[in-house]
Amino acid sequence: MQPVVKRPDLNLVRFHQMITVAPEMTALFEKIRRAGRSDATVLIRGESGTGKELVADALHRESPRSTRPFQAVNCATFTSEMLASELFGHVRGAFTGAIRDRKGLLALADKGTLFLDEVAELPIDLQARLLRVLQLKRFTPVGGTVEQEVDVRLLSATNAALRQLVTEGRFREDLMYRLRVVVLYLPRLVERTGDVQALTWFFIDAFNERGGRRVHGLSADAWAAMRAYSWPGNIRELRNNLEQAFVLGEGPVIELDELAPELRGEGVELVHVPEPDAPSTEPSVTLADLERKELVEAWRATGGNRGKMAEALAISRPTLYRRLKKHGLT
């Protein structure tokens, strides 16, 4: 019988909605406190699943604007036209279906904070309009003719290098400098000392409170696999794996076979083996075939939206782009 890894004593540090034992994160918390005191724009850099919106929320809560609205939008989830309406609002008749005036997030966040997630996906035609907001604190709703004043602190986040996008002509250099007055780097989960263990037990405790299955340990090989894994989807992937284990498994101990295939090291070639003496009628299926199939299914499910695809696959955008290129799906 395998030994069981039990819950250790953990000295958790809680900072707004974030939990950690890692010194790398407590150092970031201090930077958030300092940056929160000003009205400077902040660019939050970090991979998908690391908690960039939680950092933005903490910056707002640490600011003099904390009692005012906090609005957030993911720039990758809208078409250019819809994102313009979402940010700037629109007037009645601005486009088909605009049956009444509608306030955008800029107006709703007045005197507060607006957070633009996946800001690298901001369409080039909207970048000039956003730059005007930062320079003049004014904007015009879609279809409108009257400018409105607004007082908003702008926070943004991306896992892409804006300088590279500037070089490629996909992002305005002047807007980049406006957005990145302060830059905060959010470390990957595996770069946060002790946090794989701390967050594992934090999520186990949370799932135990739901009722149903109650877990008090992990098998030694399950814990070894979790420690060895690179967690490309970061905290989101860790939470999803543990929730899957709670749903599919039984008993008080999480076993290795309850975790995702990636953690079990199932990255070898998969080949169909025919019955003895039977002719082989099916082609072999490789890991590359399965990976391409997964990408195609995610593409269809999200309509090709890269942000949603990366989130659905629990991988970072750069990883998604590499895989798409590798399989000729660009």
C-alpha atoms as a PDB file:
ATOM      1  CA  MET A   1       0.000   0.000   0.000  1.00  0.00           C
ATOM      2  CA  GLN A   2       1.338   3.411  -0.979  1.00  0.00           C
ATOM      3  CA  PRO A   3       2.172   5.976   1.697  1.00  0.00           C
ATOM      4  CA  VAL A   4      -0.230   8.897   1.913  1.00  0.00           C
ATOM      5  CA  VAL A   5       0.868  12.535   1.901  1.00  0.00           C
ATOM      6  CA  LYS A   6      -1.150  14.359   4.564  1.00  0.00           C
ATOM      7  CA  ARG A   7      -1.923  18.045   4.967  1.00  0.00           C
ATOM      8  CA  PRO A   8       1.124  19.933   6.286  1.00  0.00           C
ATOM      9  CA  ASP A   9       1.038  22.945   8.591  1.00  0.00           C
ATOM     10  CA  LEU A  10       0.862  25.948   6.296  1.00  0.00           C
ATOM     11  CA  ASN A  11       1.500  29.572   7.181  1.00  0.00           C
ATOM     12  CA  LEU A  12      -0.725  31.063   4.499  1.00  0.00           C
ATOM     13  CA  VAL A  13      -0.433  34.731   3.617  1.00  0.00           C
ATOM     14  CA  ARG A  14      -3.726  36.234   2.441  1.00  0.00           C
ATOM     15  CA  PHE A  15      -3.739  39.432   0.419  1.00  0.00           C
ATOM     16  CA  HIS A  16      -7.183  40.406  -0.805  1.00  0.00           C
ATOM     17  CA  GLN A  17      -8.254  37.417  -2.952  1.00  0.00           C
ATOM     18  CA  MET A  18      -4.775  35.873  -3.244  1.00  0.00           C
ATOM     19  CA  ILE A  19      -3.285  33.067  -1.147  1.00  0.00           C
ATOM     20  CA  THR A  20       0.416  32.191  -0.938  1.00  0.00           C
ATOM     21  CA  VAL A  21       3.356  30.975   1.103  1.00  0.00           C
ATOM     22  CA  ALA A  22       5.875  32.067  -1.533  1.00  0.00           C
ATOM     23  CA  PRO A  23       8.324  34.904  -0.832  1.00  0.00           C
ATOM     24  CA  GLU A  24       8.113  35.788  -4.539  1.00  0.00           C
ATOM     25  CA  MET A  25       4.427  36.605  -4.046  1.00  0.00           C
ATOM     26  CA  THR A  26       4.805  38.482  -0.756  1.00  0.00           C
ATOM     27  CA  ALA A  27       7.361  40.686  -2.517  1.00  0.00           C
ATOM     28  CA  LEU A  28       4.778  41.301  -5.259  1.00  0.00           C
ATOM     29  CA  PHE A  29       2.156  42.173  -2.644  1.00  0.00           C
ATOM     30  CA  GLU A  30       4.400  44.944  -1.347  1.00  0.00           C
ATOM     31  CA  LYS A  31       4.785  46.330  -4.876  1.00  0.00           C
ATOM     32  CA  ILE A  32       0.998  46.240  -5.280  1.00  0.00           C
ATOM     33  CA  ARG A  33       0.596  48.233  -2.054  1.00  0.00           C
ATOM     34  CA  ARG A  34       3.028  50.865  -3.311  1.00  0.00           C
ATOM     35  CA  ALA A  35       1.613  51.018  -6.835  1.00  0.00           C
ATOM     36  CA  GLY A  36      -1.913  51.158  -5.456  1.00  0.00           C
ATOM     37  CA  ARG A  37      -1.279  54.524  -3.840  1.00  0.00           C
ATOM     38  CA  SER A  38      -0.829  56.338  -7.141  1.00  0.00           C
ATOM     39  CA  ASP A  39      -2.943  56.900 -10.229  1.00  0.00           C
ATOM     40  CA  ALA A  40      -0.227  55.630 -12.569  1.00  0.00           C
ATOM     41  CA  THR A  41      -1.210  53.104 -15.216  1.00  0.00           C
ATOM     42  CA  VAL A  42      -0.032  49.569 -14.443  1.00  0.00           C
ATOM     43  CA  LEU A  43       0.703  46.774 -16.895  1.00  0.00           C
ATOM     44  CA  ILE A  44       0.455  43.319 -15.324  1.00  0.00           C
ATOM     45  CA  ARG A  45       2.554  40.689 -17.107  1.00  0.00           C
ATOM     46  CA  GLY A  46       1.918  37.008 -16.528  1.00  0.00           C
ATOM     47  CA  GLU A  47       0.925  33.726 -18.132  1.00  0.00           C
ATOM     48  CA  SER A  48      -2.643  32.551 -18.487  1.00  0.00           C
ATOM     49  CA  GLY A  49      -4.049  31.249 -15.222  1.00  0.00           C
ATOM     50  CA  THR A  50      -1.682  33.112 -12.895  1.00  0.00           C
ATOM     51  CA  GLY A  51      -4.354  35.478 -11.539  1.00  0.00           C
ATOM     52  CA  LYS A  52      -3.793  38.783 -13.332  1.00  0.00           C
ATOM     53  CA  GLU A  53      -7.331  40.008 -12.650  1.00  0.00           C
ATOM     54  CA  LEU A  54      -6.821  39.314  -8.938  1.00  0.00           C
ATOM     55  CA  VAL A  55      -3.761  41.583  -9.037  1.00  0.00           C
ATOM     56  CA  ALA A  56      -5.797  44.281 -10.778  1.00  0.00           C
ATOM     57  CA  ASP A  57      -8.534  43.956  -8.160  1.00  0.00           C
ATOM     58  CA  ALA A  58      -5.932  44.246  -5.373  1.00  0.00           C
ATOM     59  CA  LEU A  59      -4.460  47.380  -6.984  1.00  0.00           C
ATOM     60  CA  HIS A  60      -7.934  48.927  -7.013  1.00  0.00           C
ATOM     61  CA  ARG A  61      -8.611  47.966  -3.390  1.00  0.00           C
ATOM     62  CA  GLU A  62      -5.267  49.446  -2.311  1.00  0.00           C
ATOM     63  CA  SER A  63      -5.985  52.739  -4.101  1.00  0.00           C
ATOM     64  CA  PRO A  64      -7.787  55.924  -3.053  1.00  0.00           C
ATOM     65  CA  ARG A  65     -10.436  54.870  -5.612  1.00  0.00           C
ATOM     66  CA  SER A  66     -11.313  51.700  -3.673  1.00  0.00           C
ATOM     67  CA  THR A  67     -14.837  52.890  -2.840  1.00  0.00           C
ATOM     68  CA  ARG A  68     -15.555  53.699  -6.477  1.00  0.00           C
ATOM     69  CA  PRO A  69     -16.402  51.231  -9.296  1.00  0.00           C
ATOM     70  CA  PHE A  70     -14.046  48.565 -10.606  1.00  0.00           C
ATOM     71  CA  GLN A  71     -14.865  47.450 -14.176  1.00  0.00           C
ATOM     72  CA  ALA A  72     -13.076  44.759 -16.166  1.00  0.00           C
ATOM     73  CA  VAL A  73     -13.176  43.484 -19.738  1.00  0.00           C
ATOM     74  CA  ASN A  74     -11.255  40.835 -21.673  1.00  0.00           C
ATOM     75  CA  CYS A  75     -10.245  42.424 -24.978  1.00  0.00           C
ATOM     76  CA  ALA A  76      -9.933  39.007 -26.647  1.00  0.00           C
ATOM     77  CA  THR A  77     -13.588  38.073 -26.263  1.00  0.00           C
ATOM     78  CA  PHE A  78     -15.185  40.721 -28.521  1.00  0.00           C
ATOM     79  CA  THR A  79     -15.092  41.776 -32.132  1.00  0.00           C
ATOM     80  CA  SER A  80     -13.701  45.258 -32.748  1.00  0.00           C
ATOM     81  CA  GLU A  81     -17.192  46.757 -33.135  1.00  0.00           C
ATOM     82  CA  MET A  82     -18.567  45.109 -30.007  1.00  0.00           C
ATOM     83  CA  LEU A  83     -15.506  46.008 -27.946  1.00  0.00           C
ATOM     84  CA  ALA A  84     -15.890  49.657 -28.993  1.00  0.00           C
ATOM     85  CA  SER A  85     -19.470  49.603 -27.735  1.00  0.00           C
ATOM     86  CA  GLU A  86     -18.414  47.789 -24.563  1.00  0.00           C
ATOM     87  CA  LEU A  87     -15.739  50.382 -23.764  1.00  0.00           C
ATOM     88  CA  PHE A  88     -17.212  53.641 -25.024  1.00  0.00           C
ATOM     89  CA  GLY A  89     -20.921  52.896 -25.029  1.00  0.00           C
ATOM     90  CA  HIS A  90     -23.191  53.837 -27.916  1.00  0.00           C
ATOM     91  CA  VAL A  91     -26.091  56.075 -28.799  1.00  0.00           C
ATOM     92  CA  ARG A  92     -29.430  54.935 -30.095  1.00  0.00           C
ATOM     93  CA  GLY A  93     -29.270  54.031 -33.779  1.00  0.00           C
ATOM     94  CA  ALA A  94     -25.481  53.695 -33.847  1.00  0.00           C
ATOM     95  CA  PHE A  95     -25.825  50.255 -35.407  1.00  0.00           C
ATOM     96  CA  THR A  96     -28.424  47.590 -36.022  1.00  0.00           C
ATOM     97  CA  GLY A  97     -29.920  46.588 -32.693  1.00  0.00           C
ATOM     98  CA  ALA A  98     -28.894  49.771 -30.852  1.00  0.00           C
ATOM     99  CA  ILE A  99     -32.439  50.622 -29.755  1.00  0.00           C
ATOM    100  CA  ARG A 100     -31.369  52.824 -26.849  1.00  0.00           C
ATOM    101  CA  ASP A 101     -28.368  54.717 -25.499  1.00  0.00           C
ATOM    102  CA  ARG A 102     -26.010  52.503 -23.530  1.00  0.00           C
ATOM    103  CA  LYS A 103     -23.197  53.465 -21.189  1.00  0.00           C
ATOM    104  CA  GLY A 104     -19.843  51.813 -21.753  1.00  0.00           C
ATOM    105  CA  LEU A 105     -17.342  50.613 -19.164  1.00  0.00           C
ATOM    106  CA  LEU A 106     -15.452  53.909 -19.236  1.00  0.00           C
ATOM    107  CA  ALA A 107     -18.537  55.800 -18.085  1.00  0.00           C
ATOM    108  CA  LEU A 108     -19.440  53.090 -15.575  1.00  0.00           C
ATOM    109  CA  ALA A 109     -15.908  53.195 -14.114  1.00  0.00           C
ATOM    110  CA  ASP A 110     -15.842  56.991 -13.748  1.00  0.00           C
ATOM    111  CA  LYS A 111     -13.860  57.998 -10.626  1.00  0.00           C
ATOM    112  CA  GLY A 112     -12.853  54.334 -10.315  1.00  0.00           C
ATOM    113  CA  THR A 113     -10.712  51.768 -12.143  1.00  0.00           C
ATOM    114  CA  LEU A 114     -10.961  50.080 -15.539  1.00  0.00           C
ATOM    115  CA  PHE A 115      -9.036  46.839 -16.123  1.00  0.00           C
ATOM    116  CA  LEU A 116      -8.269  45.702 -19.677  1.00  0.00           C
ATOM    117  CA  ASP A 117      -7.279  42.044 -19.706  1.00  0.00           C
ATOM    118  CA  GLU A 118      -5.494  40.662 -22.793  1.00  0.00           C
ATOM    119  CA  VAL A 119      -4.763  44.231 -23.835  1.00  0.00           C
ATOM    120  CA  ALA A 120      -2.442  42.947 -26.581  1.00  0.00           C
ATOM    121  CA  GLU A 121      -5.615  41.853 -28.409  1.00  0.00           C
ATOM    122  CA  LEU A 122      -6.966  45.410 -28.521  1.00  0.00           C
ATOM    123  CA  PRO A 123      -7.750  46.153 -32.201  1.00  0.00           C
ATOM    124  CA  ILE A 124      -5.486  48.764 -33.761  1.00  0.00           C
ATOM    125  CA  ASP A 125      -8.397  51.092 -34.561  1.00  0.00           C
ATOM    126  CA  LEU A 126      -9.406  51.204 -30.896  1.00  0.00           C
ATOM    127  CA  GLN A 127      -5.866  51.844 -29.696  1.00  0.00           C
ATOM    128  CA  ALA A 128      -5.965  55.450 -30.923  1.00  0.00           C
ATOM    129  CA  ARG A 129      -9.283  56.017 -29.153  1.00  0.00           C
ATOM    130  CA  LEU A 130      -7.926  54.605 -25.915  1.00  0.00           C
ATOM    131  CA  LEU A 131      -4.811  56.762 -26.224  1.00  0.00           C
ATOM    132  CA  ARG A 132      -7.053  59.827 -26.439  1.00  0.00           C
ATOM    133  CA  VAL A 133      -8.763  58.795 -23.202  1.00  0.00           C
ATOM    134  CA  LEU A 134      -5.407  58.551 -21.463  1.00  0.00           C
ATOM    135  CA  GLN A 135      -4.190  61.870 -22.860  1.00  0.00           C
ATOM    136  CA  LEU A 136      -7.301  64.044 -22.634  1.00  0.00           C
ATOM    137  CA  LYS A 137      -9.645  62.095 -20.320  1.00  0.00           C
ATOM    138  CA  ARG A 138     -12.353  62.371 -22.962  1.00  0.00           C
ATOM    139  CA  PHE A 139     -14.180  59.935 -25.230  1.00  0.00           C
ATOM    140  CA  THR A 140     -17.085  59.835 -27.660  1.00  0.00           C
ATOM    141  CA  PRO A 141     -19.656  57.023 -27.586  1.00  0.00           C
ATOM    142  CA  VAL A 142     -20.064  54.929 -30.734  1.00  0.00           C
ATOM    143  CA  GLY A 143     -22.346  56.831 -33.128  1.00  0.00           C
ATOM    144  CA  GLY A 144     -22.231  59.945 -30.957  1.00  0.00           C
ATOM    145  CA  THR A 145     -20.952  63.452 -31.625  1.00  0.00           C
ATOM    146  CA  VAL A 146     -20.620  64.847 -28.099  1.00  0.00           C
ATOM    147  CA  GLU A 147     -17.461  64.155 -26.110  1.00  0.00           C
ATOM    148  CA  GLN A 148     -17.752  63.048 -22.497  1.00  0.00           C
ATOM    149  CA  GLU A 149     -15.239  63.625 -19.731  1.00  0.00           C
ATOM    150  CA  VAL A 150     -14.091  60.700 -17.636  1.00  0.00           C
ATOM    151  CA  ASP A 151     -11.753  60.190 -14.680  1.00  0.00           C
ATOM    152  CA  VAL A 152     -10.553  56.589 -14.741  1.00  0.00           C
ATOM    153  CA  ARG A 153      -7.421  54.813 -13.632  1.00  0.00           C
ATOM    154  CA  LEU A 154      -6.427  52.298 -16.290  1.00  0.00           C
ATOM    155  CA  LEU A 155      -4.913  48.908 -15.480  1.00  0.00           C
ATOM    156  CA  SER A 156      -4.089  46.340 -18.145  1.00  0.00           C
ATOM    157  CA  ALA A 157      -2.672  42.841 -18.418  1.00  0.00           C
ATOM    158  CA  THR A 158      -1.105  40.637 -21.057  1.00  0.00           C
ATOM    159  CA  ASN A 159       1.023  37.524 -21.448  1.00  0.00           C
ATOM    160  CA  ALA A 160       2.459  38.898 -24.696  1.00  0.00           C
ATOM    161  CA  ALA A 161       5.469  41.176 -25.136  1.00  0.00           C
ATOM    162  CA  LEU A 162       4.060  44.552 -26.223  1.00  0.00           C
ATOM    163  CA  ARG A 163       7.459  45.660 -27.522  1.00  0.00           C
ATOM    164  CA  GLN A 164       7.457  42.745 -29.949  1.00  0.00           C
ATOM    165  CA  LEU A 165       3.951  43.668 -31.092  1.00  0.00           C
ATOM    166  CA  VAL A 166       5.114  47.240 -31.632  1.00  0.00           C
ATOM    167  CA  THR A 167       7.961  45.936 -33.805  1.00  0.00           C
ATOM    168  CA  GLU A 168       5.445  43.897 -35.809  1.00  0.00           C
ATOM    169  CA  GLY A 169       3.209  46.942 -36.287  1.00  0.00           C
ATOM    170  CA  ARG A 170       0.352  45.418 -34.275  1.00  0.00           C
ATOM    171  CA  PHE A 171       0.480  47.789 -31.310  1.00  0.00           C
ATOM    172  CA  ARG A 172       1.004  51.543 -31.061  1.00  0.00           C
ATOM    173  CA  GLU A 173       4.276  52.497 -29.438  1.00  0.00           C
ATOM    174  CA  ASP A 174       2.808  55.645 -27.856  1.00  0.00           C
ATOM    175  CA  LEU A 175       0.006  53.634 -26.275  1.00  0.00           C
ATOM    176  CA  MET A 176       2.456  51.030 -25.009  1.00  0.00           C
ATOM    177  CA  TYR A 177       4.404  53.679 -23.100  1.00  0.00           C
ATOM    178  CA  ARG A 178       1.165  55.110 -21.709  1.00  0.00           C
ATOM    179  CA  LEU A 179       0.065  51.703 -20.438  1.00  0.00           C
ATOM    180  CA  ARG A 180       3.329  50.540 -18.895  1.00  0.00           C
ATOM    181  CA  VAL A 181       4.274  53.354 -16.537  1.00  0.00           C
ATOM    182  CA  VAL A 182       4.488  50.665 -13.851  1.00  0.00           C
ATOM    183  CA  VAL A 183       5.056  47.019 -14.819  1.00  0.00           C
ATOM    184  CA  LEU A 184       4.295  44.182 -12.400  1.00  0.00           C
ATOM    185  CA  TYR A 185       5.434  40.651 -13.250  1.00  0.00           C
ATOM    186  CA  LEU A 186       3.260  37.847 -11.904  1.00  0.00           C
ATOM    187  CA  PRO A 187       5.375  34.673 -11.523  1.00  0.00           C
ATOM    188  CA  ARG A 188       4.343  31.292 -12.895  1.00  0.00           C
ATOM    189  CA  LEU A 189       3.042  28.777 -10.382  1.00  0.00           C
ATOM    190  CA  VAL A 190       6.245  26.709 -10.520  1.00  0.00           C
ATOM    191  CA  GLU A 191       8.261  29.862  -9.759  1.00  0.00           C
ATOM    192  CA  ARG A 192       6.325  30.436  -6.531  1.00  0.00           C
ATOM    193  CA  THR A 193       8.211  28.595  -3.798  1.00  0.00           C
ATOM    194  CA  GLY A 194       5.897  26.245  -1.915  1.00  0.00           C
ATOM    195  CA  ASP A 195       2.702  27.374  -3.618  1.00  0.00           C
ATOM    196  CA  VAL A 196       1.952  24.137  -5.483  1.00  0.00           C
ATOM    197  CA  GLN A 197       1.608  22.454  -2.106  1.00  0.00           C
ATOM    198  CA  ALA A 198      -0.109  25.390  -0.386  1.00  0.00           C
ATOM    199  CA  LEU A 199      -2.683  25.923  -3.132  1.00  0.00           C
ATOM    200  CA  THR A 200      -3.277  22.187  -3.494  1.00  0.00           C
ATOM    201  CA  TRP A 201      -4.427  22.031   0.110  1.00  0.00           C
ATOM    202  CA  PHE A 202      -6.260  25.335  -0.121  1.00  0.00           C
ATOM    203  CA  PHE A 203      -8.375  23.939  -2.973  1.00  0.00           C
ATOM    204  CA  ILE A 204      -8.808  20.550  -1.248  1.00  0.00           C
ATOM    205  CA  ASP A 205     -10.116  22.340   1.842  1.00  0.00           C
ATOM    206  CA  ALA A 206     -12.504  24.372  -0.313  1.00  0.00           C
ATOM    207  CA  PHE A 207     -13.823  21.294  -2.140  1.00  0.00           C
ATOM    208  CA  ASN A 208     -14.190  19.409   1.161  1.00  0.00           C
ATOM    209  CA  GLU A 209     -16.490  22.155   2.399  1.00  0.00           C
ATOM    210  CA  ARG A 210     -18.858  21.561  -0.525  1.00  0.00           C
ATOM    211  CA  GLY A 211     -19.856  18.221   0.924  1.00  0.00           C
ATOM    212  CA  GLY A 212     -19.783  14.825  -0.745  1.00  0.00           C
ATOM    213  CA  ARG A 213     -16.302  13.394  -1.090  1.00  0.00           C
ATOM    214  CA  ARG A 214     -13.867  14.388   1.653  1.00  0.00           C
ATOM    215  CA  VAL A 215     -10.142  14.116   1.015  1.00  0.00           C
ATOM    216  CA  HIS A 216      -7.460  14.003   3.706  1.00  0.00           C
ATOM    217  CA  GLY A 217      -4.427  13.001   1.630  1.00  0.00           C
ATOM    218  CA  LEU A 218      -2.781  12.268  -1.702  1.00  0.00           C
ATOM    219  CA  SER A 219      -1.039   9.063  -2.696  1.00  0.00           C
ATOM    220  CA  ALA A 220       2.741   9.387  -2.882  1.00  0.00           C
ATOM    221  CA  ASP A 221       2.826   8.924  -6.668  1.00  0.00           C
ATOM    222  CA  ALA A 222       0.021  11.467  -7.195  1.00  0.00           C
ATOM    223  CA  TRP A 223       1.901  14.053  -5.166  1.00  0.00           C
ATOM    224  CA  ALA A 224       5.185  13.224  -6.930  1.00  0.00           C
ATOM    225  CA  ALA A 225       3.475  13.782 -10.289  1.00  0.00           C
ATOM    226  CA  MET A 226       2.050  17.111  -9.154  1.00  0.00           C
ATOM    227  CA  ARG A 227       5.428  18.290  -7.927  1.00  0.00           C
ATOM    228  CA  ALA A 228       7.179  17.260 -11.152  1.00  0.00           C
ATOM    229  CA  TYR A 229       4.606  18.817 -13.504  1.00  0.00           C
ATOM    230  CA  SER A 230       5.304  22.195 -15.141  1.00  0.00           C
ATOM    231  CA  TRP A 231       1.724  23.537 -14.733  1.00  0.00           C
ATOM    232  CA  PRO A 232       1.513  25.512 -18.012  1.00  0.00           C
ATOM    233  CA  GLY A 233      -2.055  26.483 -17.100  1.00  0.00           C
ATOM    234  CA  ASN A 234      -0.849  27.648 -13.687  1.00  0.00           C
ATOM    235  CA  ILE A 235      -3.327  28.067 -10.827  1.00  0.00           C
ATOM    236  CA  ARG A 236      -6.384  27.566 -13.035  1.00  0.00           C
ATOM    237  CA  GLU A 237      -5.002  24.230 -14.233  1.00  0.00           C
ATOM    238  CA  LEU A 238      -4.129  23.149 -10.690  1.00  0.00           C
ATOM    239  CA  ARG A 239      -7.640  23.919  -9.463  1.00  0.00           C
ATOM    240  CA  ASN A 240      -9.252  22.167 -12.436  1.00  0.00           C
ATOM    241  CA  ASN A 241      -7.170  19.028 -11.843  1.00  0.00           C
ATOM    242  CA  LEU A 242      -8.175  18.837  -8.206  1.00  0.00           C
ATOM    243  CA  GLU A 243     -11.824  19.456  -9.003  1.00  0.00           C
ATOM    244  CA  GLN A 244     -11.679  16.637 -11.577  1.00  0.00           C
ATOM    245  CA  ALA A 245     -10.208  14.344  -8.918  1.00  0.00           C
ATOM    246  CA  PHE A 246     -13.044  15.204  -6.542  1.00  0.00           C
ATOM    247  CA  VAL A 247     -15.636  14.522  -9.229  1.00  0.00           C
ATOM    248  CA  LEU A 248     -14.211  11.280 -10.654  1.00  0.00           C
ATOM    249  CA  GLY A 249     -12.542   9.758  -7.628  1.00  0.00           C
ATOM    250  CA  GLU A 250     -13.769   8.146  -4.453  1.00  0.00           C
ATOM    251  CA  GLY A 251     -12.417   7.742  -0.987  1.00  0.00           C
ATOM    252  CA  PRO A 252     -10.275   9.937   1.258  1.00  0.00           C
ATOM    253  CA  VAL A 253      -7.089   9.814  -0.854  1.00  0.00           C
ATOM    254  CA  ILE A 254      -6.500  11.361  -4.286  1.00  0.00           C
ATOM    255  CA  GLU A 255      -4.865   8.769  -6.525  1.00  0.00           C
ATOM    256  CA  LEU A 256      -2.652   9.282  -9.553  1.00  0.00           C
ATOM    257  CA  ASP A 257      -5.220   7.892 -11.988  1.00  0.00           C
ATOM    258  CA  GLU A 258      -7.693  10.595 -10.904  1.00  0.00           C
ATOM    259  CA  LEU A 259      -5.434  13.335 -12.271  1.00  0.00           C
ATOM    260  CA  ALA A 260      -5.233  14.541 -15.871  1.00  0.00           C
ATOM    261  CA  PRO A 261      -3.258  12.435 -18.386  1.00  0.00           C
ATOM    262  CA  GLU A 262      -0.572  15.119 -18.655  1.00  0.00           C
ATOM    263  CA  LEU A 263       0.311  14.662 -14.992  1.00  0.00           C
ATOM    264  CA  ARG A 264       0.469  10.911 -15.395  1.00  0.00           C
ATOM    265  CA  GLY A 265       3.160  11.303 -18.052  1.00  0.00           C
ATOM    266  CA  GLU A 266       0.982  10.007 -20.841  1.00  0.00           C
ATOM    267  CA  GLY A 267       2.897  11.876 -23.503  1.00  0.00           C
ATOM    268  CA  VAL A 268       4.062   8.806 -25.396  1.00  0.00           C
ATOM    269  CA  GLU A 269       2.939   7.760 -28.849  1.00  0.00           C
ATOM    270  CA  LEU A 270      -0.402   5.945 -28.810  1.00  0.00           C
ATOM    271  CA  VAL A 271      -0.626   3.129 -31.349  1.00  0.00           C
ATOM    272  CA  HIS A 272      -3.604   0.917 -32.157  1.00  0.00           C
ATOM    273  CA  VAL A 273      -2.694  -2.729 -31.479  1.00  0.00           C
ATOM    274  CA  PRO A 274      -4.814  -5.242 -33.481  1.00  0.00           C
ATOM    275  CA  GLU A 275      -6.026  -8.538 -32.106  1.00  0.00           C
ATOM    276  CA  PRO A 276      -3.605 -11.462 -32.678  1.00  0.00           C
ATOM    277  CA  ASP A 277      -3.594 -12.736 -36.285  1.00  0.00           C
ATOM    278  CA  ALA A 278      -6.054  -9.999 -37.308  1.00  0.00           C
ATOM    279  CA  PRO A 279      -5.046  -7.650 -40.123  1.00  0.00           C
ATOM    280  CA  SER A 280      -4.455  -4.061 -39.095  1.00  0.00           C
ATOM    281  CA  THR A 281      -7.201  -1.952 -40.664  1.00  0.00           C
ATOM    282  CA  GLU A 282      -6.881   1.283 -38.673  1.00  0.00           C
ATOM    283  CA  PRO A 283      -4.039   3.791 -38.931  1.00  0.00           C
ATOM    284  CA  SER A 284      -1.910   4.497 -35.860  1.00  0.00           C
ATOM    285  CA  VAL A 285      -2.912   7.459 -33.716  1.00  0.00           C
ATOM    286  CA  THR A 286      -0.091   9.604 -32.394  1.00  0.00           C
ATOM    287  CA  LEU A 287       0.000  12.229 -29.695  1.00  0.00           C
ATOM    288  CA  ALA A 288       0.394  14.834 -32.459  1.00  0.00           C
ATOM    289  CA  ASP A 289      -2.861  13.616 -34.022  1.00  0.00           C
ATOM    290  CA  LEU A 290      -4.661  13.950 -30.717  1.00  0.00           C
ATOM    291  CA  GLU A 291      -3.176  17.398 -30.099  1.00  0.00           C
ATOM    292  CA  ARG A 292      -4.321  18.617 -33.525  1.00  0.00           C
ATOM    293  CA  LYS A 293      -7.796  17.172 -32.950  1.00  0.00           C
ATOM    294  CA  GLU A 294      -7.987  18.994 -29.604  1.00  0.00           C
ATOM    295  CA  LEU A 295      -6.996  22.274 -31.270  1.00  0.00           C
ATOM    296  CA  VAL A 296      -9.578  21.863 -34.030  1.00  0.00           C
ATOM    297  CA  GLU A 297     -12.318  21.090 -31.508  1.00  0.00           C
ATOM    298  CA  ALA A 298     -11.381  24.137 -29.414  1.00  0.00           C
ATOM    299  CA  TRP A 299     -11.335  26.273 -32.578  1.00  0.00           C
ATOM    300  CA  ARG A 300     -14.844  25.169 -33.502  1.00  0.00           C
ATOM    301  CA  ALA A 301     -16.176  25.575 -29.958  1.00  0.00           C
ATOM    302  CA  THR A 302     -14.876  29.160 -29.638  1.00  0.00           C
ATOM    303  CA  GLY A 303     -15.310  30.336 -33.213  1.00  0.00           C
ATOM    304  CA  GLY A 304     -11.540  30.691 -33.513  1.00  0.00           C
ATOM    305  CA  ASN A 305     -11.218  33.155 -30.608  1.00  0.00           C
ATOM    306  CA  ARG A 306      -7.605  32.740 -29.494  1.00  0.00           C
ATOM    307  CA  GLY A 307      -8.196  33.968 -25.948  1.00  0.00           C
ATOM    308  CA  LYS A 308     -11.057  31.551 -25.367  1.00  0.00           C
ATOM    309  CA  MET A 309      -9.121  28.714 -27.003  1.00  0.00           C
ATOM    310  CA  ALA A 310      -6.131  29.205 -24.691  1.00  0.00           C
ATOM    311  CA  GLU A 311      -8.417  29.339 -21.676  1.00  0.00           C
ATOM    312  CA  ALA A 312     -10.359  26.235 -22.720  1.00  0.00           C
ATOM    313  CA  LEU A 313      -7.127  24.288 -23.276  1.00  0.00           C
ATOM    314  CA  ALA A 314      -5.544  25.649 -20.067  1.00  0.00           C
ATOM    315  CA  ILE A 315      -2.428  26.822 -21.914  1.00  0.00           C
ATOM    316  CA  SER A 316      -0.790  30.196 -22.440  1.00  0.00           C
ATOM    317  CA  ARG A 317      -1.313  32.183 -25.630  1.00  0.00           C
ATOM    318  CA  PRO A 318       2.302  31.760 -26.799  1.00  0.00           C
ATOM    319  CA  THR A 319       1.925  27.993 -26.368  1.00  0.00           C
ATOM    320  CA  LEU A 320      -1.351  28.095 -28.309  1.00  0.00           C
ATOM    321  CA  TYR A 321       0.262  30.052 -31.162  1.00  0.00           C
ATOM    322  CA  ARG A 322       3.170  27.588 -31.331  1.00  0.00           C
ATOM    323  CA  ARG A 323       0.806  24.614 -31.489  1.00  0.00           C
ATOM    324  CA  LEU A 324      -1.401  26.231 -34.127  1.00  0.00           C
ATOM    325  CA  LYS A 325       1.642  26.958 -36.267  1.00  0.00           C
ATOM    326  CA  LYS A 326       3.030  23.470 -35.697  1.00  0.00           C
ATOM    327  CA  HIS A 327      -0.184  21.893 -37.009  1.00  0.00           C
ATOM    328  CA  GLY A 328      -0.690  24.354 -39.864  1.00  0.00           C
ATOM    329  CA  LEU A 329      -3.795  25.948 -38.303  1.00  0.00           C
ATOM    330  CA  THR A 330      -2.641  29.561 -38.370  1.00  0.00           C
END
